[in-house]
Amino acid sequence: MLAVNVSDTRRKIYVSNFFFSLQFGLAFFFNATFLSSLGLSEKMVGIVFALSYAASLVLLFSVPLLLRKFGNYSLFFSSS
């Protein structure tokens, strides 16, 4: 039987998640800079990000309902 080292697997997952989320951190930095260059204050940039996160959470929790209603195939192609 093949024994899997859990700590080694977990370490690989953490490292890959770090690099995956690094790209989002850079994108958020440049998006915030872009919004500031459009004339939005720091408070408004924060509100924009907070509202986008809230909308993202609402959509994330509604995915099971949307999958049951439209199906996997339709939902996948409507999002692209």
N, C-alpha and C. Protein backbone atom coordinates (compact mmCIF):
# COMPACT_ATOMS: atom_id res chain seq x y z
N MET A 1 0.84 -1.18 0.00
CA MET A 1 0.00 0.00 0.00
C MET A 1 0.89 1.24 0.00
N LEU A 2 0.50 2.22 -0.76
CA LEU A 2 1.28 3.45 -0.89
C LEU A 2 0.90 4.41 0.23
N ALA A 3 1.87 4.77 1.04
CA ALA A 3 1.62 5.71 2.13
C ALA A 3 1.85 7.13 1.63
N VAL A 4 0.91 7.99 1.92
CA VAL A 4 1.01 9.39 1.50
C VAL A 4 1.36 10.23 2.71
N ASN A 5 2.40 11.00 2.58
CA ASN A 5 2.81 11.90 3.64
C ASN A 5 1.89 13.12 3.61
N VAL A 6 1.04 13.23 4.63
CA VAL A 6 0.04 14.30 4.64
C VAL A 6 0.70 15.67 4.74
N SER A 7 1.73 15.79 5.55
CA SER A 7 2.35 17.11 5.71
C SER A 7 3.02 17.56 4.41
N ASP A 8 3.59 16.61 3.65
CA ASP A 8 4.20 16.96 2.36
C ASP A 8 3.13 17.40 1.36
N THR A 9 2.02 16.69 1.34
CA THR A 9 0.91 17.05 0.45
C THR A 9 0.34 18.41 0.84
N ARG A 10 0.18 18.62 2.12
CA ARG A 10 -0.36 19.90 2.60
C ARG A 10 0.59 21.04 2.25
N ARG A 11 1.88 20.82 2.38
CA ARG A 11 2.86 21.85 2.04
C ARG A 11 2.77 22.21 0.56
N LYS A 12 2.62 21.22 -0.29
CA LYS A 12 2.49 21.48 -1.73
C LYS A 12 1.24 22.29 -2.03
N ILE A 13 0.16 21.98 -1.33
CA ILE A 13 -1.09 22.72 -1.53
C ILE A 13 -0.92 24.17 -1.08
N TYR A 14 -0.29 24.38 0.07
CA TYR A 14 -0.08 25.74 0.56
C TYR A 14 0.79 26.56 -0.39
N VAL A 15 1.85 25.95 -0.90
CA VAL A 15 2.74 26.67 -1.81
C VAL A 15 2.02 27.01 -3.11
N SER A 16 1.27 26.05 -3.64
CA SER A 16 0.54 26.33 -4.89
C SER A 16 -0.54 27.38 -4.67
N ASN A 17 -1.22 27.34 -3.53
CA ASN A 17 -2.22 28.37 -3.23
C ASN A 17 -1.59 29.74 -3.07
N PHE A 18 -0.39 29.78 -2.50
CA PHE A 18 0.30 31.06 -2.36
C PHE A 18 0.56 31.68 -3.73
N PHE A 19 1.11 30.90 -4.65
CA PHE A 19 1.40 31.44 -5.97
C PHE A 19 0.12 31.75 -6.75
N PHE A 20 -0.92 30.96 -6.53
CA PHE A 20 -2.19 31.23 -7.19
C PHE A 20 -2.79 32.54 -6.69
N SER A 21 -2.73 32.78 -5.39
CA SER A 21 -3.31 34.00 -4.85
C SER A 21 -2.41 35.21 -5.05
N LEU A 22 -1.14 35.00 -5.32
CA LEU A 22 -0.23 36.11 -5.58
C LEU A 22 -0.67 36.90 -6.81
N GLN A 23 -1.15 36.21 -7.82
CA GLN A 23 -1.61 36.91 -9.01
C GLN A 23 -2.83 37.78 -8.71
N PHE A 24 -3.69 37.33 -7.81
CA PHE A 24 -4.85 38.14 -7.45
C PHE A 24 -4.42 39.37 -6.64
N GLY A 25 -3.44 39.20 -5.78
CA GLY A 25 -2.94 40.33 -5.01
C GLY A 25 -2.38 41.42 -5.91
N LEU A 26 -1.64 41.01 -6.92
CA LEU A 26 -1.11 41.99 -7.87
C LEU A 26 -2.22 42.66 -8.66
N ALA A 27 -3.21 41.88 -9.06
CA ALA A 27 -4.34 42.45 -9.81
C ALA A 27 -5.11 43.44 -8.94
N PHE A 28 -5.32 43.11 -7.67
CA PHE A 28 -6.04 44.03 -6.78
C PHE A 28 -5.26 45.31 -6.57
N PHE A 29 -3.95 45.21 -6.47
CA PHE A 29 -3.12 46.41 -6.31
C PHE A 29 -3.27 47.32 -7.52
N PHE A 30 -3.16 46.75 -8.70
CA PHE A 30 -3.24 47.58 -9.90
C PHE A 30 -4.67 48.08 -10.14
N ASN A 31 -5.68 47.29 -9.77
CA ASN A 31 -7.05 47.78 -9.90
C ASN A 31 -7.31 48.94 -8.96
N ALA A 32 -6.80 48.85 -7.73
CA ALA A 32 -6.97 49.95 -6.78
C ALA A 32 -6.25 51.19 -7.27
N THR A 33 -5.07 51.02 -7.83
CA THR A 33 -4.33 52.16 -8.37
C THR A 33 -5.07 52.78 -9.54
N PHE A 34 -5.64 51.93 -10.39
CA PHE A 34 -6.40 52.43 -11.54
C PHE A 34 -7.63 53.20 -11.07
N LEU A 35 -8.36 52.66 -10.10
CA LEU A 35 -9.55 53.35 -9.60
C LEU A 35 -9.17 54.68 -8.96
N SER A 36 -8.05 54.71 -8.27
CA SER A 36 -7.59 55.98 -7.68
C SER A 36 -7.23 56.99 -8.75
N SER A 37 -6.67 56.51 -9.86
CA SER A 37 -6.31 57.44 -10.94
C SER A 37 -7.54 57.99 -11.64
N LEU A 38 -8.68 57.31 -11.51
CA LEU A 38 -9.92 57.82 -12.08
C LEU A 38 -10.56 58.89 -11.20
N GLY A 39 -9.98 59.09 -10.00
CA GLY A 39 -10.48 60.14 -9.13
C GLY A 39 -11.25 59.64 -7.93
N LEU A 40 -11.33 58.34 -7.73
CA LEU A 40 -12.03 57.81 -6.57
C LEU A 40 -11.15 57.94 -5.34
N SER A 41 -11.76 58.27 -4.23
CA SER A 41 -11.01 58.37 -2.98
C SER A 41 -10.70 56.96 -2.46
N GLU A 42 -9.83 56.89 -1.47
CA GLU A 42 -9.49 55.59 -0.89
C GLU A 42 -10.72 54.92 -0.29
N LYS A 43 -11.58 55.72 0.29
CA LYS A 43 -12.81 55.18 0.89
C LYS A 43 -13.70 54.58 -0.19
N MET A 44 -13.84 55.26 -1.32
CA MET A 44 -14.67 54.75 -2.40
C MET A 44 -14.07 53.49 -3.03
N VAL A 45 -12.75 53.43 -3.14
CA VAL A 45 -12.10 52.22 -3.65
C VAL A 45 -12.39 51.06 -2.72
N GLY A 46 -12.33 51.30 -1.42
CA GLY A 46 -12.66 50.26 -0.45
C GLY A 46 -14.11 49.81 -0.56
N ILE A 47 -15.01 50.75 -0.79
CA ILE A 47 -16.42 50.41 -0.95
C ILE A 47 -16.63 49.59 -2.21
N VAL A 48 -15.96 49.95 -3.29
CA VAL A 48 -16.07 49.19 -4.54
C VAL A 48 -15.61 47.76 -4.33
N PHE A 49 -14.47 47.59 -3.66
CA PHE A 49 -13.96 46.24 -3.40
C PHE A 49 -14.89 45.47 -2.47
N ALA A 50 -15.41 46.12 -1.44
CA ALA A 50 -16.31 45.44 -0.51
C ALA A 50 -17.59 44.99 -1.21
N LEU A 51 -18.14 45.84 -2.06
CA LEU A 51 -19.35 45.47 -2.80
C LEU A 51 -19.08 44.33 -3.78
N SER A 52 -17.92 44.36 -4.40
CA SER A 52 -17.60 43.27 -5.34
C SER A 52 -17.41 41.96 -4.60
N TYR A 53 -16.80 42.00 -3.40
CA TYR A 53 -16.66 40.77 -2.61
C TYR A 53 -18.02 40.26 -2.16
N ALA A 54 -18.91 41.17 -1.76
CA ALA A 54 -20.25 40.77 -1.33
C ALA A 54 -21.01 40.13 -2.49
N ALA A 55 -20.92 40.72 -3.67
CA ALA A 55 -21.58 40.14 -4.85
C ALA A 55 -20.99 38.78 -5.19
N SER A 56 -19.69 38.66 -5.03
CA SER A 56 -19.02 37.38 -5.29
C SER A 56 -19.51 36.30 -4.34
N LEU A 57 -19.67 36.65 -3.07
CA LEU A 57 -20.17 35.67 -2.09
C LEU A 57 -21.61 35.27 -2.38
N VAL A 58 -22.43 36.24 -2.74
CA VAL A 58 -23.83 35.93 -3.08
C VAL A 58 -23.88 34.98 -4.27
N LEU A 59 -23.09 35.25 -5.29
CA LEU A 59 -23.06 34.37 -6.46
C LEU A 59 -22.49 33.00 -6.11
N LEU A 60 -21.48 32.97 -5.25
CA LEU A 60 -20.89 31.69 -4.85
C LEU A 60 -21.91 30.80 -4.15
N PHE A 61 -22.70 31.39 -3.26
CA PHE A 61 -23.69 30.60 -2.54
C PHE A 61 -24.91 30.26 -3.39
N SER A 62 -25.11 30.98 -4.49
CA SER A 62 -26.25 30.68 -5.36
C SER A 62 -25.92 29.69 -6.46
N VAL A 63 -24.66 29.29 -6.58
CA VAL A 63 -24.27 28.35 -7.64
C VAL A 63 -25.01 27.02 -7.55
N PRO A 64 -25.17 26.40 -6.37
CA PRO A 64 -25.93 25.14 -6.35
C PRO A 64 -27.35 25.28 -6.88
N LEU A 65 -28.01 26.37 -6.54
CA LEU A 65 -29.37 26.60 -7.04
C LEU A 65 -29.36 26.79 -8.55
N LEU A 66 -28.40 27.56 -9.04
CA LEU A 66 -28.31 27.78 -10.48
C LEU A 66 -27.98 26.49 -11.23
N LEU A 67 -27.15 25.65 -10.63
CA LEU A 67 -26.82 24.36 -11.27
C LEU A 67 -28.05 23.47 -11.36
N ARG A 68 -28.85 23.44 -10.29
CA ARG A 68 -30.07 22.63 -10.34
C ARG A 68 -31.07 23.17 -11.36
N LYS A 69 -31.13 24.49 -11.48
CA LYS A 69 -32.11 25.10 -12.37
C LYS A 69 -31.70 25.01 -13.84
N PHE A 70 -30.44 25.33 -14.16
CA PHE A 70 -30.01 25.42 -15.55
C PHE A 70 -29.16 24.25 -16.01
N GLY A 71 -28.55 23.56 -15.09
CA GLY A 71 -27.66 22.46 -15.46
C GLY A 71 -26.23 22.93 -15.63
N ASN A 72 -25.33 21.98 -15.55
CA ASN A 72 -23.91 22.29 -15.59
C ASN A 72 -23.48 22.85 -16.94
N TYR A 73 -23.95 22.26 -18.01
CA TYR A 73 -23.55 22.66 -19.36
C TYR A 73 -24.00 24.09 -19.66
N SER A 74 -25.26 24.39 -19.41
CA SER A 74 -25.79 25.73 -19.70
C SER A 74 -25.13 26.80 -18.84
N LEU A 75 -24.94 26.49 -17.57
CA LEU A 75 -24.34 27.47 -16.67
C LEU A 75 -22.89 27.74 -17.04
N PHE A 76 -22.17 26.71 -17.45
CA PHE A 76 -20.77 26.88 -17.84
C PHE A 76 -20.65 27.77 -19.07
N PHE A 77 -21.46 27.54 -20.08
CA PHE A 77 -21.34 28.32 -21.30
C PHE A 77 -21.95 29.71 -21.18
N SER A 78 -22.85 29.92 -20.25
CA SER A 78 -23.38 31.27 -20.06
C SER A 78 -22.40 32.15 -19.30
N SER A 79 -21.48 31.55 -18.56
CA SER A 79 -20.51 32.34 -17.80
C SER A 79 -19.29 32.70 -18.62
N SER A 80 -19.11 32.06 -19.76
CA SER A 80 -17.90 32.35 -20.55
C SER A 80 -18.16 33.31 -21.68
